Amino acid sequence: MQMEVFEDGAAVARRAAAVIAENARQAVSQRGKFVMAVSGGKTPWIMLRDLADEQIPWGKVHVFQIDERIAPAGDPDRNLRHLRESLLSHAPLPPDQIHPMPVESANLEASAAEYFATLKDFAGNPPVLDLAHLGMGPDGHTASLIPRDPVLDLTDRDIGLTGVYQGRRRMTMTYPLLNRSRLILFLITGAEKAHMLQLLCKADPSIPSGRIRGDSMLLLADKAAAGRAGN
């Protein structure tokens, strides 16, 4: 694991955008496309807007969702709404190169399989993401890998479904897919996450984030989360 600490969330977002841009250029040069997956959250939305200031071969970029709430189209709970607003309003990414999780179907198991099939079309079989962006909640969850949910134990599929968490079921990428990623970019901000960040750095499997592989991880944190306020 590599860890970098910044003054605040805005600085974390700027650095993350630069990392994504560098990896996008490298992936397109080596493999002809860049496939990344992103999570939700306030700092990530800033990160995505900051991408507009970077030199990125947008025509070769494909963006997938790490996770999504099971909610109707346009619902403010949906990560997709913020993803589109953050990217499409600022960067010249073709709209059809954002690949939304199909959470509006009545048959969610079939929808999860459908999303996996789309991933294979762009990222191989088994799919390997060029970059997976993750955050972490104060309870140690990442993506929608939620404490004590059976989704944590899925080892035979890359896309899973959760029980109800904070009022919604979720569709989420699982450990097998996330841990195959060429780069795992963790963004963690806020003092309320300082304890969980310590556990993550120890790869503590008692929290969901602690089961993400560290050898492919770049962790960007602000001073509050890193416990270095005032340093």
Protein backbone atom coordinates (compact mmCIF):
# COMPACT_ATOMS: atom_id res chain seq x y z
CA MET A 1 0.00 0.00 0.00
CA GLN A 2 1.11 3.51 -0.79
CA MET A 3 -0.39 6.36 1.22
CA GLU A 4 -0.34 10.10 0.54
CA VAL A 5 -1.78 12.69 2.93
CA PHE A 6 -3.15 16.08 1.90
CA GLU A 7 -4.44 19.17 3.64
CA ASP A 8 -8.11 18.70 2.80
CA GLY A 9 -10.65 16.91 0.61
CA ALA A 10 -10.22 19.31 -2.28
CA ALA A 11 -6.50 18.54 -2.45
CA VAL A 12 -7.26 14.81 -2.26
CA ALA A 13 -9.67 15.17 -5.18
CA ARG A 14 -7.13 17.07 -7.31
CA ARG A 15 -4.45 14.46 -6.71
CA ALA A 16 -6.90 11.65 -7.48
CA ALA A 17 -7.84 13.29 -10.78
CA ALA A 18 -4.17 13.51 -11.74
CA VAL A 19 -3.64 9.83 -10.87
CA ILE A 20 -6.64 8.80 -12.98
CA ALA A 21 -5.45 10.88 -15.92
CA GLU A 22 -1.95 9.39 -15.78
CA ASN A 23 -3.32 5.85 -15.64
CA ALA A 24 -5.78 6.56 -18.45
CA ARG A 25 -3.03 7.75 -20.77
CA GLN A 26 -0.88 4.75 -19.90
CA ALA A 27 -3.70 2.23 -20.37
CA VAL A 28 -4.73 3.66 -23.74
CA SER A 29 -1.12 3.62 -24.89
CA GLN A 30 -0.64 0.00 -23.80
CA ARG A 31 -4.08 -1.57 -24.32
CA GLY A 32 -6.07 0.87 -26.45
CA LYS A 33 -8.66 1.75 -23.79
CA PHE A 34 -9.08 2.68 -20.14
CA VAL A 35 -11.73 0.94 -18.03
CA MET A 36 -12.37 2.39 -14.60
CA ALA A 37 -15.07 1.99 -11.98
CA VAL A 38 -16.09 4.68 -9.51
CA SER A 39 -17.88 4.88 -6.19
CA GLY A 40 -20.12 7.63 -4.87
CA GLY A 41 -19.41 10.39 -2.35
CA LYS A 42 -18.80 14.13 -2.16
CA THR A 43 -15.03 14.04 -2.64
CA PRO A 44 -15.30 11.70 -5.65
CA TRP A 45 -17.76 14.03 -7.36
CA ILE A 46 -15.18 16.82 -6.98
CA MET A 47 -12.54 14.43 -8.31
CA LEU A 48 -14.62 13.70 -11.40
CA ARG A 49 -15.17 17.41 -12.08
CA ASP A 50 -11.42 17.98 -11.70
CA LEU A 51 -10.81 15.41 -14.44
CA ALA A 52 -12.01 18.00 -16.95
CA ASP A 53 -8.77 19.92 -16.34
CA GLU A 54 -6.61 16.87 -17.16
CA GLN A 55 -5.32 15.61 -20.48
CA ILE A 56 -7.31 12.40 -21.00
CA PRO A 57 -8.09 10.44 -24.20
CA TRP A 58 -11.82 10.58 -23.47
CA GLY A 59 -12.86 8.68 -26.57
CA LYS A 60 -11.12 5.58 -25.18
CA VAL A 61 -12.45 5.83 -21.61
CA HIS A 62 -15.19 3.58 -20.20
CA VAL A 63 -16.68 4.28 -16.78
CA PHE A 64 -18.46 1.63 -14.73
CA GLN A 65 -20.17 1.88 -11.37
CA ILE A 66 -18.67 0.21 -8.30
CA ASP A 67 -22.08 0.11 -6.65
CA GLU A 68 -25.58 1.55 -6.89
CA ARG A 69 -28.66 1.83 -4.73
CA ILE A 70 -31.76 -0.03 -5.88
CA ALA A 71 -33.87 3.04 -6.65
CA PRO A 72 -35.88 4.45 -9.57
CA ALA A 73 -34.28 6.37 -12.41
CA GLY A 74 -33.50 9.96 -11.44
CA ASP A 75 -33.87 9.29 -7.72
CA PRO A 76 -31.51 11.56 -5.72
CA ASP A 77 -30.21 8.45 -3.93
CA ARG A 78 -28.75 7.14 -7.18
CA ASN A 79 -24.99 7.42 -7.66
CA LEU A 80 -25.58 7.49 -11.42
CA ARG A 81 -27.27 10.87 -11.27
CA HIS A 82 -24.25 12.48 -9.60
CA LEU A 83 -21.81 10.58 -11.81
CA ARG A 84 -23.40 11.92 -14.96
CA GLU A 85 -23.67 15.45 -13.58
CA SER A 86 -20.03 15.45 -12.48
CA LEU A 87 -18.57 14.03 -15.69
CA LEU A 88 -20.85 14.87 -18.60
CA SER A 89 -21.30 18.51 -17.63
CA HIS A 90 -17.56 19.11 -17.43
CA ALA A 91 -15.65 16.60 -19.55
CA PRO A 92 -16.06 15.52 -23.21
CA LEU A 93 -16.80 11.90 -22.33
CA PRO A 94 -19.29 10.31 -24.76
CA PRO A 95 -22.45 9.63 -22.70
CA ASP A 96 -22.70 6.02 -23.85
CA GLN A 97 -19.27 5.33 -22.33
CA ILE A 98 -20.76 5.57 -18.86
CA HIS A 99 -22.14 2.11 -18.12
CA PRO A 100 -24.85 2.28 -15.43
CA MET A 101 -25.75 -0.62 -13.19
CA PRO A 102 -29.21 -1.89 -14.29
CA VAL A 103 -30.92 -1.55 -10.92
CA GLU A 104 -34.40 -0.71 -12.21
CA SER A 105 -35.21 -4.24 -13.34
CA ALA A 106 -37.67 -6.45 -11.50
CA ASN A 107 -35.18 -9.33 -11.78
CA LEU A 108 -32.09 -8.03 -10.01
CA GLU A 109 -30.18 -11.30 -10.18
CA ALA A 110 -30.51 -11.26 -13.97
CA SER A 111 -29.49 -7.61 -14.01
CA ALA A 112 -26.34 -8.38 -12.02
CA ALA A 113 -25.46 -11.09 -14.55
CA GLU A 114 -26.14 -8.62 -17.36
CA TYR A 115 -23.73 -6.09 -15.85
CA PHE A 116 -21.08 -8.76 -15.51
CA ALA A 117 -21.52 -9.61 -19.20
CA THR A 118 -21.03 -5.93 -20.11
CA LEU A 119 -17.89 -5.81 -18.00
CA LYS A 120 -16.50 -8.82 -19.85
CA ASP A 121 -17.07 -7.05 -23.17
CA PHE A 122 -14.76 -4.22 -22.12
CA ALA A 123 -12.44 -5.66 -19.47
CA GLY A 124 -11.93 -9.29 -20.48
CA ASN A 125 -12.88 -12.61 -18.93
CA PRO A 126 -12.47 -12.50 -16.03
CA PRO A 127 -12.81 -8.70 -16.09
CA VAL A 128 -9.79 -6.70 -14.96
CA LEU A 129 -10.37 -3.02 -14.24
CA ASP A 130 -7.57 -0.61 -15.02
CA LEU A 131 -8.58 1.44 -11.99
CA ALA A 132 -11.13 0.96 -9.21
CA HIS A 133 -11.93 4.02 -7.13
CA LEU A 134 -13.10 3.24 -3.59
CA GLY A 135 -14.11 5.19 -0.52
CA MET A 136 -14.78 4.08 3.03
CA GLY A 137 -17.66 4.71 5.42
CA PRO A 138 -17.30 5.34 9.16
CA ASP A 139 -18.33 1.70 9.71
CA GLY A 140 -15.48 0.46 7.51
CA HIS A 141 -17.59 -0.47 4.49
CA THR A 142 -16.33 0.09 0.98
CA ALA A 143 -18.27 -0.11 -2.28
CA SER A 144 -21.49 -1.66 -0.92
CA LEU A 145 -19.55 -4.35 0.90
CA ILE A 146 -21.42 -3.86 4.13
CA PRO A 147 -20.53 -5.21 7.58
CA ARG A 148 -22.23 -8.55 8.32
CA ASP A 149 -23.96 -8.70 4.93
CA PRO A 150 -23.74 -12.04 3.06
CA VAL A 151 -22.34 -10.15 0.04
CA LEU A 152 -18.98 -10.14 1.84
CA ASP A 153 -18.68 -13.88 1.36
CA LEU A 154 -19.37 -13.99 -2.39
CA THR A 155 -16.36 -15.55 -4.07
CA ASP A 156 -18.01 -17.02 -7.17
CA ARG A 157 -19.36 -13.85 -8.77
CA ASP A 158 -18.11 -10.35 -9.52
CA ILE A 159 -21.41 -8.50 -9.09
CA GLY A 160 -23.58 -9.08 -6.02
CA LEU A 161 -26.71 -7.83 -4.28
CA THR A 162 -26.97 -6.73 -0.67
CA GLY A 163 -29.68 -6.66 1.93
CA VAL A 164 -31.18 -3.35 3.03
CA TYR A 165 -28.57 -0.84 4.23
CA GLN A 166 -29.52 2.72 5.15
CA GLY A 167 -32.94 2.18 3.62
CA ARG A 168 -31.87 0.66 0.29
CA ARG A 169 -30.65 -2.60 -1.16
CA ARG A 170 -27.54 -2.23 -3.32
CA MET A 171 -25.87 -3.77 -6.35
CA THR A 172 -22.11 -3.90 -5.90
CA MET A 173 -18.84 -5.15 -7.27
CA THR A 174 -17.46 -7.87 -5.01
CA TYR A 175 -13.99 -8.67 -3.69
CA PRO A 176 -12.93 -10.96 -6.56
CA LEU A 177 -13.43 -8.23 -9.16
CA LEU A 178 -12.11 -5.34 -7.07
CA ASN A 179 -9.01 -7.25 -6.01
CA ARG A 180 -8.11 -8.04 -9.64
CA SER A 181 -7.86 -4.31 -10.46
CA ARG A 182 -4.56 -3.02 -11.78
CA LEU A 183 -4.84 -0.04 -9.43
CA ILE A 184 -7.13 0.45 -6.43
CA LEU A 185 -7.45 4.16 -5.67
CA PHE A 186 -8.80 4.74 -2.14
CA LEU A 187 -10.01 8.24 -1.18
CA ILE A 188 -10.65 8.77 2.54
CA THR A 189 -11.52 12.11 4.10
CA GLY A 190 -12.94 13.21 7.44
CA ALA A 191 -11.96 12.76 11.08
CA GLU A 192 -14.84 10.33 11.65
CA LYS A 193 -12.93 7.78 9.54
CA ALA A 194 -9.59 8.06 11.37
CA HIS A 195 -9.99 4.85 13.39
CA MET A 196 -11.17 2.82 10.42
CA LEU A 197 -8.27 4.17 8.37
CA GLN A 198 -5.87 2.76 10.95
CA LEU A 199 -7.54 -0.64 10.60
CA LEU A 200 -7.42 -0.43 6.80
CA CYS A 201 -3.69 0.28 6.92
CA LYS A 202 -3.28 -2.90 8.98
CA ALA A 203 -5.37 -4.89 6.46
CA ASP A 204 -7.66 -5.79 9.35
CA PRO A 205 -10.23 -8.26 7.97
CA SER A 206 -12.74 -7.35 10.69
CA ILE A 207 -13.82 -4.41 8.52
CA PRO A 208 -14.89 -4.80 4.88
CA SER A 209 -12.26 -2.34 3.64
CA GLY A 210 -9.53 -4.38 5.27
CA ARG A 211 -10.12 -7.23 2.83
CA ILE A 212 -9.15 -5.14 -0.21
CA ARG A 213 -5.68 -6.14 -1.42
CA GLY A 214 -3.02 -3.63 -0.47
CA ASP A 215 -0.29 -4.36 -3.00
CA SER A 216 -2.25 -2.60 -5.77
CA MET A 217 -3.56 0.20 -3.54
CA LEU A 218 -2.86 3.92 -3.56
CA LEU A 219 -4.54 5.53 -0.56
CA LEU A 220 -5.16 9.29 -0.61
CA ALA A 221 -6.32 10.80 2.68
CA ASP A 222 -6.76 14.23 4.20
CA LYS A 223 -5.06 15.15 7.47
CA ALA A 224 -8.27 14.73 9.43
CA ALA A 225 -8.71 11.12 8.39
CA ALA A 226 -5.01 10.38 8.74
CA GLY A 227 -4.96 11.78 12.27
CA ARG A 228 -2.34 14.37 11.35
CA ALA A 229 -4.33 17.57 11.83
CA GLY A 230 -2.00 20.38 12.71
CA ASN A 231 1.16 18.58 11.50
